[in-house]
Protein backbone atom coordinates (compact mmCIF):
# COMPACT_ATOMS: atom_id res chain seq x y z
CA MET A 1 -0.81 12.66 -2.48
CA ALA A 2 0.33 14.53 0.53
CA GLY A 3 3.14 16.48 1.96
CA VAL A 4 4.65 19.08 -0.24
CA PHE A 5 1.77 18.40 -2.47
CA ASP A 6 -0.65 18.01 0.46
CA ILE A 7 -3.07 16.04 -1.63
CA ASP A 8 -6.02 14.33 0.00
CA LEU A 9 -8.16 13.06 -2.86
CA GLU A 10 -11.75 14.16 -2.41
CA THR A 11 -13.77 12.01 -4.79
CA GLU A 12 -13.24 10.03 -7.94
CA ASP A 13 -14.36 13.04 -9.91
CA LEU A 14 -11.21 15.11 -10.18
CA SER A 15 -12.43 17.66 -12.67
CA ASP A 16 -12.97 21.32 -11.86
CA THR A 17 -16.74 21.49 -11.98
CA GLU A 18 -17.53 24.01 -9.26
CA ASP A 19 -20.57 26.06 -10.19
CA ASP A 20 -19.00 29.34 -9.11
CA VAL A 21 -15.59 29.04 -10.71
CA CYS A 22 -14.13 29.31 -14.14
CA ASP A 23 -10.74 28.13 -15.38
CA LEU A 24 -7.94 30.47 -16.23
CA THR A 25 -5.17 29.28 -18.46
CA VAL A 26 -1.88 30.31 -16.94
CA THR A 27 -1.79 33.01 -14.28
CA GLU A 28 -3.89 35.54 -12.47
CA PRO A 29 -4.28 39.07 -13.88
CA GLU A 30 -1.02 40.91 -14.43
CA ASN A 31 -1.98 43.89 -12.27
CA VAL A 32 -2.80 41.83 -9.19
CA GLN A 33 -1.11 43.09 -6.03
CA THR A 34 1.17 40.55 -4.40
CA GLU A 35 3.43 40.39 -1.41
CA GLU A 36 6.63 38.37 -1.44
CA VAL A 37 9.75 37.96 0.54
CA GLU A 38 12.96 36.05 0.27
CA LEU A 39 13.06 33.51 3.05
CA THR A 40 16.69 33.30 4.07
CA SER A 41 20.20 33.94 2.91
CA GLU A 42 20.12 30.38 1.56
CA SER A 43 17.08 31.00 -0.62
CA VAL A 44 17.26 30.57 -4.36
CA ASN A 45 16.65 34.28 -4.68
CA ARG A 46 19.53 36.08 -2.98
CA ASP A 47 18.36 39.50 -4.10
CA SER A 48 15.31 41.30 -2.76
CA GLU A 49 13.12 40.30 -5.69
CA ARG A 50 9.40 40.87 -5.92
CA VAL A 51 7.80 37.58 -6.88
CA GLY A 52 4.21 36.84 -7.83
CA PRO A 53 2.21 34.33 -9.87
CA ASP A 54 3.36 35.90 -13.14
CA CYS A 55 6.96 34.88 -12.33
CA PHE A 56 6.06 31.23 -12.89
CA GLU A 57 4.85 29.24 -15.88
CA LEU A 58 2.42 26.45 -15.10
CA LEU A 59 3.60 23.14 -16.56
CA THR A 60 1.67 20.25 -15.04
CA VAL A 61 -0.89 19.52 -12.35
CA LEU A 62 0.75 17.36 -9.68
CA GLY A 63 -2.19 17.07 -7.35
CA LYS A 64 -5.44 18.50 -6.11
CA GLY A 65 -6.88 18.80 -2.63
CA ALA A 66 -9.77 20.34 -0.76
CA TYR A 67 -8.11 23.74 -0.58
CA GLY A 68 -6.34 24.06 -3.90
CA LYS A 69 -3.85 22.52 -6.29
CA VAL A 70 -0.16 21.82 -6.69
CA PHE A 71 1.54 22.57 -9.98
CA GLN A 72 4.91 21.86 -11.44
CA VAL A 73 6.11 25.30 -12.52
CA ARG A 74 9.06 26.92 -14.23
CA LYS A 75 10.41 30.26 -13.05
CA VAL A 76 10.38 32.67 -15.98
CA GLN A 77 11.52 35.90 -14.34
CA GLY A 78 14.32 37.02 -12.06
CA ALA A 79 16.82 34.80 -10.28
CA GLN A 80 16.85 31.09 -11.09
CA THR A 81 14.98 31.64 -14.34
CA GLY A 82 14.33 28.28 -15.97
CA ASN A 83 14.42 26.26 -12.75
CA ILE A 84 11.60 23.85 -11.92
CA PHE A 85 9.66 24.15 -8.66
CA ALA A 86 6.41 22.97 -7.07
CA MET A 87 3.78 25.67 -6.56
CA LYS A 88 1.25 24.90 -3.86
CA VAL A 89 -1.79 27.16 -4.33
CA LEU A 90 -4.33 27.39 -1.49
CA LYS A 91 -7.69 29.15 -1.64
CA LYS A 92 -8.09 31.61 1.22
CA ALA A 93 -11.88 31.47 1.09
CA LYS A 94 -11.86 27.78 2.00
CA ILE A 95 -9.09 27.92 4.59
CA VAL A 96 -10.46 30.75 6.72
CA CYS A 97 -13.78 28.96 7.20
CA ASN A 98 -12.10 26.77 9.83
CA ALA A 99 -9.73 28.00 12.52
CA LYS A 100 -7.76 24.76 12.56
CA ASP A 101 -7.12 24.96 8.82
CA THR A 102 -5.82 28.49 9.25
CA ALA A 103 -3.55 27.24 12.03
CA HIS A 104 -2.33 24.34 9.88
CA THR A 105 -1.44 26.66 7.01
CA ARG A 106 0.47 29.03 9.23
CA ALA A 107 2.20 26.10 10.93
CA GLU A 108 3.48 24.71 7.66
CA ARG A 109 4.66 28.09 6.41
CA GLU A 110 6.44 28.99 9.65
CA ILE A 111 8.19 25.67 10.18
CA LEU A 112 9.31 25.37 6.57
CA GLU A 113 10.70 28.90 6.77
CA THR A 114 12.93 28.24 9.75
CA VAL A 115 13.89 24.55 9.55
CA ARG A 116 16.59 23.41 7.14
CA HIS A 117 17.67 19.78 6.86
CA PRO A 118 18.75 17.43 4.04
CA PHE A 119 15.67 15.27 4.60
CA ILE A 120 13.06 18.01 5.03
CA VAL A 121 11.50 19.75 2.04
CA ASP A 122 12.80 23.24 1.25
CA LEU A 123 10.48 26.25 1.02
CA LEU A 124 11.80 28.93 -1.34
CA TYR A 125 9.08 31.58 -1.38
CA ALA A 126 5.71 32.33 0.18
CA PHE A 127 3.45 35.07 -1.17
CA GLN A 128 -0.22 35.83 -1.56
CA THR A 129 -2.81 37.57 -3.69
CA GLY A 130 -6.30 38.69 -2.71
CA GLY A 131 -7.77 35.20 -2.90
CA LYS A 132 -4.87 32.74 -2.80
CA LEU A 133 -1.81 31.72 -0.84
CA TYR A 134 1.28 30.43 -2.65
CA LEU A 135 4.09 28.22 -1.40
CA ILE A 136 7.00 27.70 -3.78
CA LEU A 137 8.89 24.55 -2.82
CA GLU A 138 11.53 22.34 -4.30
CA CYS A 139 10.00 19.94 -6.78
CA LEU A 140 10.43 16.39 -5.51
CA SER A 141 10.23 14.55 -8.79
CA GLY A 142 10.62 11.09 -7.26
CA GLY A 143 7.04 11.16 -6.02
CA GLU A 144 5.68 9.64 -2.82
CA LEU A 145 7.26 6.78 -0.92
CA PHE A 146 3.72 5.39 -0.99
CA MET A 147 4.03 4.99 -4.75
CA GLN A 148 7.24 3.00 -4.36
CA LEU A 149 5.59 0.80 -1.75
CA GLU A 150 2.69 0.30 -4.13
CA LYS A 151 5.09 -0.96 -6.78
CA GLU A 152 7.16 -3.20 -4.49
CA GLY A 153 4.44 -4.49 -2.17
CA ILE A 154 6.90 -4.66 0.72
CA PHE A 155 10.51 -3.54 1.18
CA MET A 156 13.45 -5.80 1.85
CA GLU A 157 15.13 -5.11 5.17
CA ASP A 158 18.11 -3.22 3.75
CA THR A 159 15.79 -0.96 1.75
CA ALA A 160 13.59 -0.27 4.77
CA CYS A 161 16.70 0.36 6.88
CA PHE A 162 17.89 3.08 4.48
CA TYR A 163 14.59 4.95 4.41
CA LEU A 164 14.00 4.56 8.15
CA GLY A 165 17.50 5.87 8.84
CA GLU A 166 16.92 9.05 6.85
CA ILE A 167 13.50 9.52 8.45
CA THR A 168 15.04 9.07 11.91
CA LEU A 169 17.54 11.85 11.21
CA ALA A 170 14.77 14.17 10.00
CA LEU A 171 12.59 13.51 13.05
CA GLY A 172 15.56 13.92 15.35
CA HIS A 173 16.29 17.33 13.84
CA LEU A 174 12.70 18.44 14.36
CA HIS A 175 12.78 17.23 17.95
CA SER A 176 16.03 19.08 18.62
CA ASN A 177 14.16 22.25 17.62
CA GLY A 178 11.25 21.51 19.93
CA ILE A 179 8.94 20.31 17.14
CA ILE A 180 6.94 17.09 17.07
CA TYR A 181 5.75 15.95 13.64
CA ARG A 182 2.63 13.87 14.43
CA ASP A 183 1.67 12.76 10.93
CA LEU A 184 4.31 10.29 9.77
CA LYS A 185 2.98 8.00 7.02
CA PRO A 186 4.10 6.91 3.51
CA GLU A 187 1.99 9.61 1.85
CA ASN A 188 3.93 12.35 3.66
CA ILE A 189 7.35 11.09 2.62
CA MET A 190 8.56 12.19 -0.80
CA LEU A 191 11.59 11.15 -2.84
CA ASN A 192 13.86 13.59 -4.65
CA HIS A 193 15.38 12.90 -8.05
CA GLN A 194 18.24 10.96 -6.43
CA GLY A 195 15.96 8.76 -4.33
CA HIS A 196 16.57 10.38 -0.93
CA ILE A 197 13.56 11.03 1.29
CA LYS A 198 12.07 14.39 2.20
CA LEU A 199 9.52 14.87 4.97
CA THR A 200 6.58 17.03 3.90
CA ASP A 201 3.26 18.35 5.23
CA PHE A 202 3.94 20.15 8.50
CA GLY A 203 0.42 21.33 9.25
CA LEU A 204 0.02 19.03 12.27
CA CYS A 205 3.36 19.86 13.86
CA LYS A 206 3.52 21.19 17.39
CA GLU A 207 6.24 23.62 18.45
CA SER A 208 7.94 24.28 21.78
CA ILE A 209 7.68 20.68 23.00
CA HIS A 210 10.78 19.99 25.08
CA ASP A 211 11.60 17.61 27.91
CA GLY A 212 8.69 17.45 30.32
CA THR A 213 6.28 19.30 28.03
CA VAL A 214 3.15 17.56 26.76
CA THR A 215 0.25 18.50 24.53
CA HIS A 216 -3.24 17.01 24.23
CA THR A 217 -4.39 17.67 20.67
CA PHE A 218 -6.13 14.74 18.99
CA CYS A 219 -4.54 14.65 15.55
CA GLY A 220 -2.76 12.47 13.02
CA THR A 221 -3.69 9.47 10.90
CA ILE A 222 -5.40 6.73 12.89
CA GLU A 223 -3.31 3.77 11.68
CA TYR A 224 -0.08 5.54 12.72
CA MET A 225 -1.41 7.28 15.84
CA ALA A 226 0.17 6.55 19.23
CA PRO A 227 -2.03 5.30 22.11
CA GLU A 228 -1.42 8.40 24.23
CA ILE A 229 -2.92 10.56 21.48
CA LEU A 230 -6.04 8.39 21.39
CA THR A 231 -6.49 8.54 25.16
CA ARG A 232 -5.65 12.26 25.28
CA SER A 233 -3.50 11.58 28.32
CA GLY A 234 -0.85 14.00 27.07
CA HIS A 235 1.83 13.30 24.49
CA ASN A 236 5.32 14.45 23.54
CA ARG A 237 7.90 13.62 20.88
CA ALA A 238 7.63 9.89 21.69
CA VAL A 239 4.53 9.78 19.46
CA ASP A 240 6.79 10.19 16.43
CA TRP A 241 8.75 7.08 17.38
CA TRP A 242 5.53 5.09 17.66
CA SER A 243 4.65 6.27 14.15
CA LEU A 244 8.13 5.25 12.98
CA GLY A 245 7.49 1.75 14.32
CA ALA A 246 4.11 1.61 12.58
CA LEU A 247 5.74 2.81 9.35
CA MET A 248 8.51 0.22 9.68
CA TYR A 249 5.90 -2.49 10.13
CA ASP A 250 4.01 -1.18 7.09
CA MET A 251 7.15 -1.18 4.95
CA MET A 252 8.10 -4.75 5.84
CA THR A 253 4.70 -6.45 5.97
CA GLY A 254 2.42 -4.55 3.57
CA SER A 255 0.07 -2.84 6.04
CA PRO A 256 0.15 -0.90 9.32
CA PRO A 257 0.26 -3.01 12.51
CA PHE A 258 -3.27 -2.25 13.70
CA THR A 259 -6.09 -2.09 11.18
CA ALA A 260 -9.81 -2.84 11.21
CA GLU A 261 -12.97 -2.15 9.23
CA ASN A 262 -13.65 1.17 10.95
CA ARG A 263 -11.90 3.82 13.02
CA LYS A 264 -13.33 2.74 16.36
CA LYS A 265 -12.12 -0.84 15.99
CA THR A 266 -8.73 0.36 14.75
CA MET A 267 -8.41 2.53 17.86
CA ASP A 268 -9.45 -0.41 20.05
CA LYS A 269 -6.69 -2.53 18.56
CA ILE A 270 -4.06 0.16 19.00
CA LEU A 271 -4.99 0.52 22.67
CA LYS A 272 -5.31 -3.12 23.75
CA CYS A 273 -4.02 -5.58 21.13
CA LYS A 274 -0.56 -7.02 20.74
CA ILE A 275 1.22 -6.79 17.42
CA ASN A 276 1.36 -9.81 15.14
CA LEU A 277 4.91 -10.14 13.79
CA PRO A 278 5.47 -12.31 10.70
CA PRO A 279 8.10 -15.05 11.13
CA TYR A 280 10.31 -13.90 8.26
CA LEU A 281 11.40 -10.70 10.03
CA THR A 282 14.94 -10.80 11.42
CA ILE A 283 15.58 -10.73 15.15
CA ASP A 284 16.82 -7.14 14.97
CA ALA A 285 13.82 -5.97 12.96
CA ARG A 286 11.40 -7.67 15.34
CA ASP A 287 13.14 -6.18 18.35
CA LEU A 288 13.11 -2.63 16.97
CA ILE A 289 9.43 -2.83 16.03
CA LYS A 290 8.55 -4.09 19.51
CA LYS A 291 10.51 -1.34 21.22
CA LEU A 292 9.04 1.40 19.03
CA LEU A 293 5.49 0.11 19.48
CA LYS A 294 5.52 0.05 23.27
CA LYS A 295 2.10 1.26 24.34
CA SER A 296 3.66 3.00 27.34
CA ALA A 297 5.37 6.12 26.00
CA ALA A 298 7.84 6.10 28.91
CA GLN A 299 9.06 2.62 27.91
CA ARG A 300 9.23 3.38 24.20
CA LEU A 301 12.62 3.50 22.49
CA GLY A 302 13.50 7.15 21.83
CA SER A 303 11.49 8.51 24.76
CA SER A 304 14.58 9.37 26.82
CA LYS A 305 16.55 12.60 26.62
CA GLU A 306 18.77 10.92 24.03
CA ASP A 307 15.81 10.86 21.62
CA CYS A 308 16.91 9.66 18.16
CA ALA A 309 20.39 8.72 19.41
CA ASP A 310 18.88 5.72 21.21
CA ILE A 311 17.26 4.58 17.98
CA GLN A 312 20.44 5.07 15.96
CA LYS A 313 22.28 2.74 18.37
CA HIS A 314 19.85 -0.12 17.80
CA PRO A 315 21.41 -3.21 16.09
CA PHE A 316 18.93 -2.91 13.22
CA PHE A 317 20.96 0.12 12.05
CA ARG A 318 24.38 -1.40 12.80
CA HIS A 319 25.52 -1.19 9.17
CA ILE A 320 24.66 2.50 8.78
CA ASN A 321 27.32 5.18 8.89
CA TRP A 322 25.18 8.05 10.13
CA ASP A 323 27.55 10.78 8.96
CA ASP A 324 27.55 9.36 5.44
CA LEU A 325 23.78 9.01 5.52
CA LEU A 326 23.33 12.62 6.61
CA ASN A 327 25.71 13.82 3.89
CA LYS A 328 23.76 11.77 1.32
CA THR A 329 26.84 9.84 0.22
CA VAL A 330 25.02 6.53 0.73
CA GLU A 331 23.44 5.38 -2.53
CA PRO A 332 19.65 5.05 -2.25
CA PRO A 333 18.17 1.61 -2.98
CA TYR A 334 15.93 3.12 -5.63
CA LYS A 335 16.64 5.97 -8.03
CA PRO A 336 13.67 7.34 -9.99
CA GLN A 337 14.03 6.92 -13.73
CA LEU A 338 13.55 10.47 -14.93
CA GLN A 339 14.12 11.74 -18.45
CA SER A 340 14.30 15.45 -17.58
CA ASP A 341 13.62 18.00 -14.85
CA GLU A 342 10.03 18.18 -16.10
CA ASP A 343 9.43 14.42 -15.90
CA VAL A 344 6.27 13.73 -13.86
CA SER A 345 6.10 9.98 -14.45
CA GLN A 346 6.20 9.30 -10.70
CA PHE A 347 2.92 11.14 -10.12
CA ASP A 348 -0.68 10.07 -10.56
CA THR A 349 -1.73 10.38 -14.21
CA ARG A 350 -5.24 11.38 -13.15
CA PHE A 351 -3.65 14.68 -12.20
CA THR A 352 -0.79 15.04 -14.65
CA ARG A 353 -3.04 14.66 -17.69
CA GLN A 354 -5.18 17.62 -16.61
CA THR A 355 -4.67 21.02 -18.22
CA PRO A 356 -2.93 23.25 -15.65
CA GLY A 357 -4.88 26.34 -14.64
CA PHE A 358 -6.27 28.27 -11.71
CA THR A 359 -9.91 28.63 -10.77
CA TYR A 360 -11.25 32.11 -10.27
CA VAL A 361 -12.12 33.26 -6.75
CA ALA A 362 -14.01 36.51 -6.26
CA PRO A 363 -11.86 39.22 -4.60
CA SER A 364 -12.22 39.32 -0.83
CA VAL A 365 -10.44 40.82 2.10
CA LEU A 366 -9.19 38.01 4.33
CA GLU A 367 -7.06 39.80 6.88
CA SER A 368 -7.09 36.88 9.30
CA LEU A 369 -4.86 34.89 6.98
CA LYS A 370 -2.99 37.72 5.32
CA GLU A 371 -1.09 38.75 8.41
CA GLY A 372 2.06 36.76 8.91
CA PHE A 373 1.93 34.65 5.75
CA SER A 374 4.30 36.69 3.59
CA PHE A 375 7.49 37.81 5.21
CA GLU A 376 10.37 40.23 4.71
CA PRO A 377 13.94 39.29 3.67
CA ARG A 378 16.12 38.48 6.65
CA THR A 379 18.85 36.19 7.82
CA ARG A 380 17.44 32.91 9.08
CA PRO A 381 17.10 33.16 12.87
CA VAL A 382 17.95 30.53 15.43
CA ARG A 383 14.97 28.27 16.15
CA ARG A 384 12.76 29.68 18.93
CA HIS A 385 12.38 27.72 22.14
CA ASN A 386 9.73 29.87 23.79
CA SER A 387 6.01 29.29 23.61
CA SER A 388 4.45 28.87 20.20
CA PRO A 389 2.76 31.99 18.76
CA ARG A 390 0.31 29.95 16.75
CA THR A 391 -3.26 29.36 17.72
CA PRO A 392 -4.18 25.82 18.80
CA ILE A 393 -6.03 23.50 16.47
CA SER A 394 -9.76 23.95 16.86
CA PRO A 395 -11.91 21.09 18.19
CA MET A 396 -13.13 18.32 15.94
CA LYS A 397 -16.86 17.71 15.95
CA PHE A 398 -17.79 14.26 17.19
CA SER A 399 -21.13 12.64 16.55
CA SER A 400 -23.35 11.56 19.41
CA ALA A 401 -23.94 8.32 17.55
CA GLY A 402 -20.75 6.81 18.95
CA PRO A 403 -17.73 7.82 21.02
CA PHE A 404 -15.27 7.34 18.19
CA LYS A 405 -17.51 8.47 15.35
CA THR A 406 -16.37 11.73 13.78
CA SER A 407 -17.99 14.02 11.28
CA MET A 408 -15.85 12.33 8.64
CA ASP A 409 -17.64 9.04 9.21
CA ARG A 410 -20.89 10.66 8.13
CA GLU A 411 -19.64 11.23 4.60
CA PRO A 412 -18.77 7.74 3.24
CA ASP A 413 -18.84 8.96 -0.34
CA ILE A 414 -16.19 11.59 0.39
CA PHE A 415 -14.23 9.81 3.10
CA PRO A 416 -14.03 6.09 2.28
CA PRO A 417 -12.53 3.60 4.75
CA PRO A 418 -8.76 3.43 5.25
CA ARG A 419 -6.65 2.02 2.46
CA HIS A 420 -6.12 -1.37 4.11
CA GLN A 421 -9.82 -2.14 3.74
CA GLN A 422 -9.49 -2.26 -0.04
CA LEU A 423 -7.16 -5.27 0.11
CA GLN A 424 -9.63 -7.73 1.65
CA VAL A 425 -6.82 -10.27 2.15
CA MET A 426 -4.87 -11.62 5.10
CA PRO A 427 -1.31 -10.44 5.73
CA HIS A 428 0.92 -11.86 3.04
CA TRP A 429 2.78 -14.31 5.25
CA LYS A 430 -0.56 -16.13 5.58
CA THR A 431 -1.19 -16.26 1.84
CA GLU A 432 0.57 -17.76 -1.13
CA GLY A 433 2.39 -14.55 -2.00
CA PRO A 434 3.01 -10.98 -0.90
CA VAL A 435 0.13 -8.61 -0.51
CA SER A 436 -0.23 -6.40 -3.56
CA ARG A 437 -0.77 -2.71 -3.05
CA SER A 438 -2.25 -2.40 -6.53
CA GLY A 439 -5.54 -0.60 -6.41
CA LEU A 440 -4.68 1.36 -3.30
CA LEU A 441 -4.39 4.51 -5.35
CA GLN A 442 -7.93 3.97 -6.58
CA GLU A 443 -9.25 5.15 -3.23
CA THR A 444 -9.00 8.30 -1.22
CA ARG A 445 -5.85 8.56 0.88
CA SER A 446 -6.18 8.10 4.64
CA ARG A 447 -7.67 11.25 6.08
CA ARG A 448 -6.08 13.24 8.85
CA ASP A 449 -8.16 13.32 12.01
CA THR A 450 -7.35 16.76 13.36
CA GLY A 451 -8.47 18.84 16.29
CA ASP A 452 -9.30 18.31 19.93
CA GLU A 453 -12.10 16.00 20.91
CA GLU A 454 -14.98 17.77 22.57
CA LYS A 455 -16.67 14.78 24.16
CA SER A 456 -15.06 12.35 26.56
CA PHE A 457 -15.32 8.65 25.94
CA LYS A 458 -14.47 5.45 27.75
CA GLN A 459 -11.33 3.80 26.43
CA PRO A 460 -10.77 0.05 26.51
CA ALA A 461 -8.11 -1.38 28.77
CA CYS A 462 -4.60 -0.76 27.50
CA ASP A 463 -2.06 -3.54 27.40
CA SER A 464 1.31 -1.93 28.07
CA ASN A 465 3.17 -4.62 26.16
CA PRO A 466 3.08 -4.82 22.38
């Protein structure tokens, strides 16, 4: 699970068995010192209310990652008492060990604080204690879009068109604020209780990227990563439109367009292979995929100053009324069947059946992360367009064993191969029936490859045509 819930499954053993931790039942000690601030005038808490862990009742575990857990919680004190939220709890001790993880955490907090959009997750509060960071977000009870894809196998064109339209509006809003997303994939797209999408997980975003500005960070998820990121030739917001094309292909065929048995071969395919389009796709769908998956960023649809407007004009979206879509008056193709606000049926039962609780972390002074995480009540400012105040993502360590081999490849038990490798079948248009996504949740989700590459490597020739 990812996004709001930022869940990258570590191993099949999901129990809390750390040698140096012990479970607590509900909250941290009552006398713990916390810092809290209301985010904006639109926040659920319109009064200057002091909020800490004791203001929330833990209900259910929604997910677990390398740096903490996500809980479904109920607010039991102050404004909005009784409302259900998602509480993302991050362990400072693990985050501060790596500069890029610190940067990711600050990036997510800062962007969620200042960006408001119908298709981007809302952050309500951010506060911290001596050992943990807390993000209180809206609870997206519809679960991941990945889960819906797992159930359906592939989406029909009208279903894909709806989701892609909402995603396009969300990406366009980020771009208009000088932000590129860089990690678009089904695991980072959540559904609310009505079935509308919400983009989540903003740790890999880059701010202050406007016309003519490029960045060189090597980051994202390989199967959805644009060629210019792989070659480190400099990239801009056009990388998000490549990822949209890869996501569209995934939705309508059952897998991303370029996959292989390892990361190096996947990168090779992205850089030099043409896409294989199944014959059942409509002319408009085929045309949009081709234009989004142009290997040359300058030729890619959406790369002009018009950005998302060029994509909205494509015939594939000819039946969409964009104003109605933005106002959420278009009925989603799928509405989660939920019995109550506390219904967690759309989440992985390996998490939801666990007893909710925190793990103890010894008190420590972690000033490097404390500064700038909590914030004071204020009216939401206009989005900044000057240089980003955040530190760049730190370099990723590459092995000398191979130019594409990362430190992640050295831990096969923790980082298994990408999800497409579990299928072991040809694309479904070459088989008797559609590819099933069953079993995909048995493996670890695709890992984010983050950071700058330290060592140069020779790239294969790049075919500019998809």
